[in-house]
Amino acid sequence: VIGVYGPMTSVNTKFVATAVAFDLDFKANFDPDIASRFGPPIVTIPNLNPNLRVKVQIGNSNSEQSVGVGTALDFMQGQNGADKVVALVGGSHSAVSMPVANLAA
């Protein structure tokens, strides 16, 4: 599971669209239903292991340190209905991303 978080509600909802587009494009490499509905992947991954599955989990920071750190903690610890992540991507404001990076270190 990859956790993607950012200022989804406070800056621009296009952050959510970008995360969803990444998820669909990745899945188009191995899911024929998604590929037929949305077209071939933009980023083709050669020699992709057919057993590999990546789940994207999207969270919000709302441009607030407490919200962003809380989201990251939920992702890292698998709390509040979130799956435990093995990777975390996102952050837009250093006031949020720096404390999250310190937690992950």
PDB file of N, CA and C in Angstrom:
ATOM      1  N   VAL A   1       0.855  -1.177   0.000  1.00  0.00           N
ATOM      2  CA  VAL A   1       0.000   0.000   0.000  1.00  0.00           C
ATOM      3  C   VAL A   1       0.898   1.236   0.000  1.00  0.00           C
ATOM      4  N   ILE A   2       0.598   2.148  -0.908  1.00  0.00           N
ATOM      5  CA  ILE A   2       1.286   3.427  -0.963  1.00  0.00           C
ATOM      6  C   ILE A   2       0.321   4.486  -0.449  1.00  0.00           C
ATOM      7  N   GLY A   3       0.759   5.239   0.533  1.00  0.00           N
ATOM      8  CA  GLY A   3      -0.041   6.340   1.046  1.00  0.00           C
ATOM      9  C   GLY A   3       0.287   7.617   0.295  1.00  0.00           C
ATOM     10  N   VAL A   4      -0.726   8.294  -0.194  1.00  0.00           N
ATOM     11  CA  VAL A   4      -0.557   9.568  -0.885  1.00  0.00           C
ATOM     12  C   VAL A   4      -1.343  10.605  -0.097  1.00  0.00           C
ATOM     13  N   TYR A   5      -0.644  11.634   0.372  1.00  0.00           N
ATOM     14  CA  TYR A   5      -1.346  12.663   1.129  1.00  0.00           C
ATOM     15  C   TYR A   5      -0.926  14.037   0.640  1.00  0.00           C
ATOM     16  N   GLY A   6      -1.761  15.010   0.856  1.00  0.00           N
ATOM     17  CA  GLY A   6      -1.466  16.373   0.450  1.00  0.00           C
ATOM     18  C   GLY A   6      -2.625  17.282   0.795  1.00  0.00           C
ATOM     19  N   PRO A   7      -2.513  18.536   0.385  1.00  0.00           N
ATOM     20  CA  PRO A   7      -3.566  19.505   0.702  1.00  0.00           C
ATOM     21  C   PRO A   7      -4.764  19.338  -0.222  1.00  0.00           C
ATOM     22  N   MET A   8      -5.418  18.209  -0.105  1.00  0.00           N
ATOM     23  CA  MET A   8      -6.500  17.839  -1.023  1.00  0.00           C
ATOM     24  C   MET A   8      -7.675  18.809  -0.976  1.00  0.00           C
ATOM     25  N   THR A   9      -7.964  19.338   0.191  1.00  0.00           N
ATOM     26  CA  THR A   9      -9.139  20.195   0.329  1.00  0.00           C
ATOM     27  C   THR A   9      -8.789  21.671   0.441  1.00  0.00           C
ATOM     28  N   SER A  10      -7.565  21.987   0.835  1.00  0.00           N
ATOM     29  CA  SER A  10      -7.242  23.388   1.101  1.00  0.00           C
ATOM     30  C   SER A  10      -6.588  24.102  -0.072  1.00  0.00           C
ATOM     31  N   VAL A  11      -5.892  23.400  -0.947  1.00  0.00           N
ATOM     32  CA  VAL A  11      -5.190  24.051  -2.045  1.00  0.00           C
ATOM     33  C   VAL A  11      -5.884  23.783  -3.368  1.00  0.00           C
ATOM     34  N   ASN A  12      -5.983  22.494  -3.729  1.00  0.00           N
ATOM     35  CA  ASN A  12      -6.550  22.181  -5.028  1.00  0.00           C
ATOM     36  C   ASN A  12      -6.956  20.715  -5.055  1.00  0.00           C
ATOM     37  N   THR A  13      -8.169  20.458  -5.475  1.00  0.00           N
ATOM     38  CA  THR A  13      -8.646  19.077  -5.544  1.00  0.00           C
ATOM     39  C   THR A  13      -7.972  18.299  -6.677  1.00  0.00           C
ATOM     40  N   LYS A  14      -7.175  18.975  -7.508  1.00  0.00           N
ATOM     41  CA  LYS A  14      -6.435  18.270  -8.554  1.00  0.00           C
ATOM     42  C   LYS A  14      -5.407  17.313  -7.963  1.00  0.00           C
ATOM     43  N   PHE A  15      -5.018  17.518  -6.708  1.00  0.00           N
ATOM     44  CA  PHE A  15      -4.133  16.564  -6.042  1.00  0.00           C
ATOM     45  C   PHE A  15      -4.792  15.188  -5.983  1.00  0.00           C
ATOM     46  N   VAL A  16      -6.086  15.164  -5.686  1.00  0.00           N
ATOM     47  CA  VAL A  16      -6.823  13.901  -5.636  1.00  0.00           C
ATOM     48  C   VAL A  16      -6.867  13.284  -7.033  1.00  0.00           C
ATOM     49  N   ALA A  17      -7.160  14.106  -8.030  1.00  0.00           N
ATOM     50  CA  ALA A  17      -7.227  13.602  -9.403  1.00  0.00           C
ATOM     51  C   ALA A  17      -5.893  13.012  -9.840  1.00  0.00           C
ATOM     52  N   THR A  18      -4.801  13.630  -9.448  1.00  0.00           N
ATOM     53  CA  THR A  18      -3.470  13.123  -9.800  1.00  0.00           C
ATOM     54  C   THR A  18      -3.220  11.764  -9.159  1.00  0.00           C
ATOM     55  N   ALA A  19      -3.583  11.613  -7.891  1.00  0.00           N
ATOM     56  CA  ALA A  19      -3.395  10.335  -7.198  1.00  0.00           C
ATOM     57  C   ALA A  19      -4.246   9.239  -7.840  1.00  0.00           C
ATOM     58  N   VAL A  20      -5.473   9.562  -8.181  1.00  0.00           N
ATOM     59  CA  VAL A  20      -6.358   8.582  -8.827  1.00  0.00           C
ATOM     60  C   VAL A  20      -5.833   8.223 -10.219  1.00  0.00           C
ATOM     61  N   ALA A  21      -5.344   9.220 -10.958  1.00  0.00           N
ATOM     62  CA  ALA A  21      -4.793   8.960 -12.289  1.00  0.00           C
ATOM     63  C   ALA A  21      -3.575   8.041 -12.209  1.00  0.00           C
ATOM     64  N   PHE A  22      -2.707   8.263 -11.218  1.00  0.00           N
ATOM     65  CA  PHE A  22      -1.558   7.376 -11.020  1.00  0.00           C
ATOM     66  C   PHE A  22      -2.025   5.952 -10.769  1.00  0.00           C
ATOM     67  N   ASP A  23      -2.997   5.802  -9.887  1.00  0.00           N
ATOM     68  CA  ASP A  23      -3.499   4.478  -9.537  1.00  0.00           C
ATOM     69  C   ASP A  23      -4.072   3.773 -10.770  1.00  0.00           C
ATOM     70  N   LEU A  24      -4.894   4.471 -11.540  1.00  0.00           N
ATOM     71  CA  LEU A  24      -5.487   3.861 -12.736  1.00  0.00           C
ATOM     72  C   LEU A  24      -4.435   3.550 -13.793  1.00  0.00           C
ATOM     73  N   ASP A  25      -3.469   4.443 -13.979  1.00  0.00           N
ATOM     74  CA  ASP A  25      -2.436   4.207 -14.982  1.00  0.00           C
ATOM     75  C   ASP A  25      -1.585   3.003 -14.612  1.00  0.00           C
ATOM     76  N   PHE A  26      -1.237   2.883 -13.338  1.00  0.00           N
ATOM     77  CA  PHE A  26      -0.460   1.717 -12.896  1.00  0.00           C
ATOM     78  C   PHE A  26      -1.254   0.439 -13.137  1.00  0.00           C
ATOM     79  N   LYS A  27      -2.526   0.441 -12.744  1.00  0.00           N
ATOM     80  CA  LYS A  27      -3.358  -0.754 -12.891  1.00  0.00           C
ATOM     81  C   LYS A  27      -3.600  -1.122 -14.350  1.00  0.00           C
ATOM     82  N   ALA A  28      -3.558  -0.135 -15.240  1.00  0.00           N
ATOM     83  CA  ALA A  28      -3.751  -0.415 -16.672  1.00  0.00           C
ATOM     84  C   ALA A  28      -2.643  -1.296 -17.229  1.00  0.00           C
ATOM     85  N   ASN A  29      -1.530  -1.429 -16.497  1.00  0.00           N
ATOM     86  CA  ASN A  29      -0.433  -2.301 -16.918  1.00  0.00           C
ATOM     87  C   ASN A  29      -0.780  -3.779 -16.771  1.00  0.00           C
ATOM     88  N   PHE A  30      -1.727  -4.109 -15.901  1.00  0.00           N
ATOM     89  CA  PHE A  30      -2.032  -5.526 -15.664  1.00  0.00           C
ATOM     90  C   PHE A  30      -3.518  -5.854 -15.606  1.00  0.00           C
ATOM     91  N   ASP A  31      -4.378  -4.849 -15.595  1.00  0.00           N
ATOM     92  CA  ASP A  31      -5.822  -5.091 -15.506  1.00  0.00           C
ATOM     93  C   ASP A  31      -6.469  -4.764 -16.853  1.00  0.00           C
ATOM     94  N   PRO A  32      -6.834  -5.786 -17.628  1.00  0.00           N
ATOM     95  CA  PRO A  32      -7.386  -5.529 -18.959  1.00  0.00           C
ATOM     96  C   PRO A  32      -8.696  -4.735 -18.940  1.00  0.00           C
ATOM     97  N   ASP A  33      -9.492  -4.867 -17.891  1.00  0.00           N
ATOM     98  CA  ASP A  33     -10.740  -4.097 -17.809  1.00  0.00           C
ATOM     99  C   ASP A  33     -10.454  -2.592 -17.716  1.00  0.00           C
ATOM    100  N   ILE A  34      -9.477  -2.233 -16.890  1.00  0.00           N
ATOM    101  CA  ILE A  34      -9.111  -0.817 -16.758  1.00  0.00           C
ATOM    102  C   ILE A  34      -8.488  -0.316 -18.054  1.00  0.00           C
ATOM    103  N   ALA A  35      -7.617  -1.121 -18.652  1.00  0.00           N
ATOM    104  CA  ALA A  35      -6.974  -0.715 -19.909  1.00  0.00           C
ATOM    105  C   ALA A  35      -8.003  -0.525 -21.022  1.00  0.00           C
ATOM    106  N   SER A  36      -9.015  -1.379 -21.077  1.00  0.00           N
ATOM    107  CA  SER A  36     -10.014  -1.231 -22.146  1.00  0.00           C
ATOM    108  C   SER A  36     -10.912  -0.024 -21.891  1.00  0.00           C
ATOM    109  N   ARG A  37     -11.151   0.298 -20.638  1.00  0.00           N
ATOM    110  CA  ARG A  37     -12.024   1.433 -20.318  1.00  0.00           C
ATOM    111  C   ARG A  37     -11.315   2.784 -20.469  1.00  0.00           C
ATOM    112  N   PHE A  38     -10.047   2.849 -20.003  1.00  0.00           N
ATOM    113  CA  PHE A  38      -9.332   4.131 -19.983  1.00  0.00           C
ATOM    114  C   PHE A  38      -8.210   4.213 -21.008  1.00  0.00           C
ATOM    115  N   GLY A  39      -7.936   3.127 -21.704  1.00  0.00           N
ATOM    116  CA  GLY A  39      -6.862   3.116 -22.681  1.00  0.00           C
ATOM    117  C   GLY A  39      -5.583   2.536 -22.097  1.00  0.00           C
ATOM    118  N   PRO A  40      -4.574   2.371 -22.938  1.00  0.00           N
ATOM    119  CA  PRO A  40      -3.325   1.784 -22.461  1.00  0.00           C
ATOM    120  C   PRO A  40      -2.639   2.713 -21.463  1.00  0.00           C
ATOM    121  N   PRO A  41      -1.757   2.157 -20.653  1.00  0.00           N
ATOM    122  CA  PRO A  41      -1.075   3.001 -19.666  1.00  0.00           C
ATOM    123  C   PRO A  41      -0.205   4.061 -20.327  1.00  0.00           C
ATOM    124  N   ILE A  42      -0.118   5.207 -19.683  1.00  0.00           N
ATOM    125  CA  ILE A  42       0.779   6.271 -20.146  1.00  0.00           C
ATOM    126  C   ILE A  42       2.215   5.864 -19.859  1.00  0.00           C
ATOM    127  N   VAL A  43       2.431   5.297 -18.676  1.00  0.00           N
ATOM    128  CA  VAL A  43       3.749   4.798 -18.287  1.00  0.00           C
ATOM    129  C   VAL A  43       3.694   3.276 -18.318  1.00  0.00           C
ATOM    130  N   THR A  44       4.303   2.702 -19.330  1.00  0.00           N
ATOM    131  CA  THR A  44       4.326   1.249 -19.459  1.00  0.00           C
ATOM    132  C   THR A  44       5.466   0.696 -18.622  1.00  0.00           C
ATOM    133  N   ILE A  45       5.173  -0.314 -17.843  1.00  0.00           N
ATOM    134  CA  ILE A  45       6.190  -0.933 -16.991  1.00  0.00           C
ATOM    135  C   ILE A  45       6.554  -2.277 -17.610  1.00  0.00           C
ATOM    136  N   PRO A  46       7.752  -2.374 -18.201  1.00  0.00           N
ATOM    137  CA  PRO A  46       8.153  -3.636 -18.836  1.00  0.00           C
ATOM    138  C   PRO A  46       8.455  -4.717 -17.796  1.00  0.00           C
ATOM    139  N   ASN A  47       8.192  -5.943 -18.176  1.00  0.00           N
ATOM    140  CA  ASN A  47       8.492  -7.106 -17.323  1.00  0.00           C
ATOM    141  C   ASN A  47       7.841  -7.006 -15.951  1.00  0.00           C
ATOM    142  N   LEU A  48       6.642  -6.485 -15.904  1.00  0.00           N
ATOM    143  CA  LEU A  48       5.929  -6.343 -14.636  1.00  0.00           C
ATOM    144  C   LEU A  48       5.551  -7.718 -14.101  1.00  0.00           C
ATOM    145  N   ASN A  49       5.871  -7.966 -12.853  1.00  0.00           N
ATOM    146  CA  ASN A  49       5.513  -9.221 -12.217  1.00  0.00           C
ATOM    147  C   ASN A  49       3.985  -9.319 -12.174  1.00  0.00           C
ATOM    148  N   PRO A  50       3.393 -10.368 -12.749  1.00  0.00           N
ATOM    149  CA  PRO A  50       1.931 -10.463 -12.793  1.00  0.00           C
ATOM    150  C   PRO A  50       1.285 -10.602 -11.420  1.00  0.00           C
ATOM    151  N   ASN A  51       2.069 -10.933 -10.404  1.00  0.00           N
ATOM    152  CA  ASN A  51       1.530 -11.069  -9.053  1.00  0.00           C
ATOM    153  C   ASN A  51       1.599  -9.775  -8.248  1.00  0.00           C
ATOM    154  N   LEU A  52       2.274  -8.755  -8.784  1.00  0.00           N
ATOM    155  CA  LEU A  52       2.438  -7.491  -8.077  1.00  0.00           C
ATOM    156  C   LEU A  52       1.127  -6.718  -8.055  1.00  0.00           C
ATOM    157  N   ARG A  53       0.734  -6.296  -6.903  1.00  0.00           N
ATOM    158  CA  ARG A  53      -0.456  -5.461  -6.759  1.00  0.00           C
ATOM    159  C   ARG A  53      -0.104  -4.318  -5.808  1.00  0.00           C
ATOM    160  N   VAL A  54      -0.410  -3.122  -6.236  1.00  0.00           N
ATOM    161  CA  VAL A  54      -0.166  -1.943  -5.418  1.00  0.00           C
ATOM    162  C   VAL A  54      -1.496  -1.257  -5.184  1.00  0.00           C
ATOM    163  N   LYS A  55      -1.758  -0.948  -3.948  1.00  0.00           N
ATOM    164  CA  LYS A  55      -2.979  -0.236  -3.578  1.00  0.00           C
ATOM    165  C   LYS A  55      -2.581   1.182  -3.193  1.00  0.00           C
ATOM    166  N   VAL A  56      -3.321   2.149  -3.684  1.00  0.00           N
ATOM    167  CA  VAL A  56      -3.083   3.547  -3.337  1.00  0.00           C
ATOM    168  C   VAL A  56      -4.138   3.986  -2.333  1.00  0.00           C
ATOM    169  N   GLN A  57      -3.674   4.589  -1.267  1.00  0.00           N
ATOM    170  CA  GLN A  57      -4.560   5.100  -0.224  1.00  0.00           C
ATOM    171  C   GLN A  57      -4.357   6.616  -0.171  1.00  0.00           C
ATOM    172  N   ILE A  58      -5.426   7.376  -0.304  1.00  0.00           N
ATOM    173  CA  ILE A  58      -5.333   8.828  -0.401  1.00  0.00           C
ATOM    174  C   ILE A  58      -5.776   9.466   0.910  1.00  0.00           C
ATOM    175  N   GLY A  59      -4.981  10.424   1.366  1.00  0.00           N
ATOM    176  CA  GLY A  59      -5.292  11.139   2.601  1.00  0.00           C
ATOM    177  C   GLY A  59      -5.108  12.633   2.437  1.00  0.00           C
ATOM    178  N   ASN A  60      -5.552  13.378   3.403  1.00  0.00           N
ATOM    179  CA  ASN A  60      -5.579  14.832   3.348  1.00  0.00           C
ATOM    180  C   ASN A  60      -4.684  15.427   4.425  1.00  0.00           C
ATOM    181  N   SER A  61      -4.044  16.551   4.096  1.00  0.00           N
ATOM    182  CA  SER A  61      -3.326  17.323   5.117  1.00  0.00           C
ATOM    183  C   SER A  61      -4.059  18.622   5.416  1.00  0.00           C
ATOM    184  N   ASN A  62      -4.903  19.050   4.492  1.00  0.00           N
ATOM    185  CA  ASN A  62      -5.651  20.301   4.617  1.00  0.00           C
ATOM    186  C   ASN A  62      -4.721  21.484   4.897  1.00  0.00           C
ATOM    187  N   SER A  63      -3.468  21.374   4.503  1.00  0.00           N
ATOM    188  CA  SER A  63      -2.459  22.418   4.722  1.00  0.00           C
ATOM    189  C   SER A  63      -2.226  22.713   6.201  1.00  0.00           C
ATOM    190  N   GLU A  64      -2.562  21.765   7.054  1.00  0.00           N
ATOM    191  CA  GLU A  64      -2.384  21.944   8.496  1.00  0.00           C
ATOM    192  C   GLU A  64      -1.463  20.860   9.029  1.00  0.00           C
ATOM    193  N   GLN A  65      -0.488  21.278   9.828  1.00  0.00           N
ATOM    194  CA  GLN A  65       0.495  20.333  10.351  1.00  0.00           C
ATOM    195  C   GLN A  65      -0.163  19.198  11.132  1.00  0.00           C
ATOM    196  N   SER A  66      -1.103  19.523  11.998  1.00  0.00           N
ATOM    197  CA  SER A  66      -1.714  18.480  12.831  1.00  0.00           C
ATOM    198  C   SER A  66      -2.505  17.481  11.989  1.00  0.00           C
ATOM    199  N   VAL A  67      -3.186  17.958  10.951  1.00  0.00           N
ATOM    200  CA  VAL A  67      -3.968  17.069  10.091  1.00  0.00           C
ATOM    201  C   VAL A  67      -3.031  16.193   9.261  1.00  0.00           C
ATOM    202  N   GLY A  68      -1.996  16.794   8.661  1.00  0.00           N
ATOM    203  CA  GLY A  68      -1.053  16.039   7.839  1.00  0.00           C
ATOM    204  C   GLY A  68      -0.283  14.998   8.621  1.00  0.00           C
ATOM    205  N   VAL A  69       0.190  15.369   9.796  1.00  0.00           N
ATOM    206  CA  VAL A  69       0.918  14.413  10.633  1.00  0.00           C
ATOM    207  C   VAL A  69      -0.025  13.314  11.110  1.00  0.00           C
ATOM    208  N   GLY A  70      -1.253  13.675  11.449  1.00  0.00           N
ATOM    209  CA  GLY A  70      -2.243  12.671  11.859  1.00  0.00           C
ATOM    210  C   GLY A  70      -2.540  11.682  10.739  1.00  0.00           C
ATOM    211  N   THR A  71      -2.676  12.192   9.524  1.00  0.00           N
ATOM    212  CA  THR A  71      -2.908  11.320   8.376  1.00  0.00           C
ATOM    213  C   THR A  71      -1.725  10.384   8.175  1.00  0.00           C
ATOM    214  N   ALA A  72      -0.512  10.930   8.236  1.00  0.00           N
ATOM    215  CA  ALA A  72       0.684  10.108   8.054  1.00  0.00           C
ATOM    216  C   ALA A  72       0.795   9.040   9.146  1.00  0.00           C
ATOM    217  N   LEU A  73       0.494   9.403  10.379  1.00  0.00           N
ATOM    218  CA  LEU A  73       0.526   8.414  11.469  1.00  0.00           C
ATOM    219  C   LEU A  73      -0.501   7.316  11.242  1.00  0.00           C
ATOM    220  N   ASP A  74      -1.707   7.691  10.827  1.00  0.00           N
ATOM    221  CA  ASP A  74      -2.731   6.691  10.532  1.00  0.00           C
ATOM    222  C   ASP A  74      -2.242   5.737   9.453  1.00  0.00           C
ATOM    223  N   PHE A  75      -1.624   6.285   8.408  1.00  0.00           N
ATOM    224  CA  PHE A  75      -1.091   5.457   7.322  1.00  0.00           C
ATOM    225  C   PHE A  75       0.011   4.534   7.821  1.00  0.00           C
ATOM    226  N   MET A  76       0.956   5.087   8.573  1.00  0.00           N
ATOM    227  CA  MET A  76       2.127   4.301   8.999  1.00  0.00           C
ATOM    228  C   MET A  76       1.767   3.235  10.031  1.00  0.00           C
ATOM    229  N   GLN A  77       0.741   3.511  10.841  1.00  0.00           N
ATOM    230  CA  GLN A  77       0.368   2.575  11.891  1.00  0.00           C
ATOM    231  C   GLN A  77      -0.873   1.755  11.555  1.00  0.00           C
ATOM    232  N   GLY A  78      -1.500   2.043  10.432  1.00  0.00           N
ATOM    233  CA  GLY A  78      -2.702   1.305  10.057  1.00  0.00           C
ATOM    234  C   GLY A  78      -3.862   1.558  10.997  1.00  0.00           C
ATOM    235  N   GLN A  79      -4.095   2.819  11.314  1.00  0.00           N
ATOM    236  CA  GLN A  79      -5.151   3.170  12.266  1.00  0.00           C
ATOM    237  C   GLN A  79      -6.298   3.905  11.583  1.00  0.00           C
ATOM    238  N   ASN A  80      -7.405   4.020  12.295  1.00  0.00           N
ATOM    239  CA  ASN A  80      -8.580   4.782  11.843  1.00  0.00           C
ATOM    240  C   ASN A  80      -9.081   4.328  10.476  1.00  0.00           C
ATOM    241  N   GLY A  81      -9.063   3.038  10.245  1.00  0.00           N
ATOM    242  CA  GLY A  81      -9.571   2.497   8.991  1.00  0.00           C
ATOM    243  C   GLY A  81      -8.572   2.516   7.850  1.00  0.00           C
ATOM    244  N   ALA A  82      -7.383   3.049   8.087  1.00  0.00           N
ATOM    245  CA  ALA A  82      -6.353   3.091   7.047  1.00  0.00           C
ATOM    246  C   ALA A  82      -5.563   1.793   7.059  1.00  0.00           C
ATOM    247  N   ASP A  83      -5.114   1.378   5.876  1.00  0.00           N
ATOM    248  CA  ASP A  83      -4.205   0.240   5.797  1.00  0.00           C
ATOM    249  C   ASP A  83      -2.799   0.720   6.116  1.00  0.00           C
ATOM    250  N   LYS A  84      -1.993  -0.152   6.665  1.00  0.00           N
ATOM    251  CA  LYS A  84      -0.606   0.203   6.950  1.00  0.00           C
ATOM    252  C   LYS A  84       0.144   0.309   5.625  1.00  0.00           C
ATOM    253  N   VAL A  85       0.838   1.423   5.431  1.00  0.00           N
ATOM    254  CA  VAL A  85       1.528   1.671   4.167  1.00  0.00           C
ATOM    255  C   VAL A  85       2.987   1.248   4.246  1.00  0.00           C
ATOM    256  N   VAL A  86       3.545   0.950   3.084  1.00  0.00           N
ATOM    257  CA  VAL A  86       4.984   0.657   2.990  1.00  0.00           C
ATOM    258  C   VAL A  86       5.728   1.817   2.347  1.00  0.00           C
ATOM    259  N   ALA A  87       4.991   2.770   1.804  1.00  0.00           N
ATOM    260  CA  ALA A  87       5.588   3.964   1.214  1.00  0.00           C
ATOM    261  C   ALA A  87       4.623   5.126   1.389  1.00  0.00           C
ATOM    262  N   LEU A  88       5.184   6.309   1.495  1.00  0.00           N
ATOM    263  CA  LEU A  88       4.379   7.507   1.699  1.00  0.00           C
ATOM    264  C   LEU A  88       4.846   8.572   0.713  1.00  0.00           C
ATOM    265  N   VAL A  89       3.914   9.107  -0.051  1.00  0.00           N
ATOM    266  CA  VAL A  89       4.220  10.111  -1.066  1.00  0.00           C
ATOM    267  C   VAL A  89       3.335  11.313  -0.817  1.00  0.00           C
ATOM    268  N   GLY A  90       3.903  12.496  -0.937  1.00  0.00           N
ATOM    269  CA  GLY A  90       3.069  13.684  -0.851  1.00  0.00           C
ATOM    270  C   GLY A  90       3.693  14.762  -0.018  1.00  0.00           C
ATOM    271  N   GLY A  91       2.844  15.563   0.496  1.00  0.00           N
ATOM    272  CA  GLY A  91       3.290  16.737   1.213  1.00  0.00           C
ATOM    273  C   GLY A  91       3.513  17.859   0.221  1.00  0.00           C
ATOM    274  N   SER A  92       3.070  19.006   0.557  1.00  0.00           N
ATOM    275  CA  SER A  92       3.227  20.152  -0.322  1.00  0.00           C
ATOM    276  C   SER A  92       3.833  21.309   0.446  1.00  0.00           C
ATOM    277  N   HIS A  93       3.572  21.340   1.701  1.00  0.00           N
ATOM    278  CA  HIS A  93       4.069  22.412   2.561  1.00  0.00           C
ATOM    279  C   HIS A  93       5.127  21.849   3.501  1.00  0.00           C
ATOM    280  N   SER A  94       6.241  22.541   3.623  1.00  0.00           N
ATOM    281  CA  SER A  94       7.316  22.042   4.485  1.00  0.00           C
ATOM    282  C   SER A  94       6.873  21.950   5.942  1.00  0.00           C
ATOM    283  N   ALA A  95       5.921  22.778   6.341  1.00  0.00           N
ATOM    284  CA  ALA A  95       5.428  22.710   7.719  1.00  0.00           C
ATOM    285  C   ALA A  95       4.744  21.379   8.006  1.00  0.00           C
ATOM    286  N   VAL A  96       4.298  20.694   6.961  1.00  0.00           N
ATOM    287  CA  VAL A  96       3.680  19.381   7.110  1.00  0.00           C
ATOM    288  C   VAL A  96       4.686  18.285   6.767  1.00  0.00           C
ATOM    289  N   SER A  97       5.379  18.430   5.656  1.00  0.00           N
ATOM    290  CA  SER A  97       6.244  17.342   5.179  1.00  0.00           C
ATOM    291  C   SER A  97       7.469  17.117   6.053  1.00  0.00           C
ATOM    292  N   MET A  98       8.023  18.154   6.662  1.00  0.00           N
ATOM    293  CA  MET A  98       9.211  17.964   7.513  1.00  0.00           C
ATOM    294  C   MET A  98       8.892  17.141   8.770  1.00  0.00           C
ATOM    295  N   PRO A  99       7.819  17.448   9.511  1.00  0.00           N
ATOM    296  CA  PRO A  99       7.499  16.587  10.663  1.00  0.00           C
ATOM    297  C   PRO A  99       7.162  15.156  10.236  1.00  0.00           C
ATOM    298  N   VAL A 100       6.504  14.994   9.098  1.00  0.00           N
ATOM    299  CA  VAL A 100       6.179  13.645   8.608  1.00  0.00           C
ATOM    300  C   VAL A 100       7.461  12.907   8.276  1.00  0.00           C
ATOM    301  N   ALA A 101       8.403  13.576   7.626  1.00  0.00           N
ATOM    302  CA  ALA A 101       9.684  12.943   7.296  1.00  0.00           C
ATOM    303  C   ALA A 101      10.422  12.535   8.563  1.00  0.00           C
ATOM    304  N   ASN A 102      10.363  13.346   9.598  1.00  0.00           N
ATOM    305  CA  ASN A 102      11.010  12.990  10.868  1.00  0.00           C
ATOM    306  C   ASN A 102      10.363  11.771  11.498  1.00  0.00           C
ATOM    307  N   LEU A 103       9.050  11.657  11.376  1.00  0.00           N
ATOM    308  CA  LEU A 103       8.356  10.486  11.920  1.00  0.00           C
ATOM    309  C   LEU A 103       8.751   9.221  11.182  1.00  0.00           C
ATOM    310  N   ALA A 104       8.898   9.334   9.873  1.00  0.00           N
ATOM    311  CA  ALA A 104       9.171   8.163   9.041  1.00  0.00           C
ATOM    312  C   ALA A 104      10.626   7.701   9.145  1.00  0.00           C
ATOM    313  N   ALA A 105      11.491   8.581   9.607  1.00  0.00           N
ATOM    314  CA  ALA A 105      12.928   8.239   9.647  1.00  0.00           C
ATOM    315  C   ALA A 105      13.260   7.215  10.707  1.00  0.00           C
TER     316      ALA A 105
END
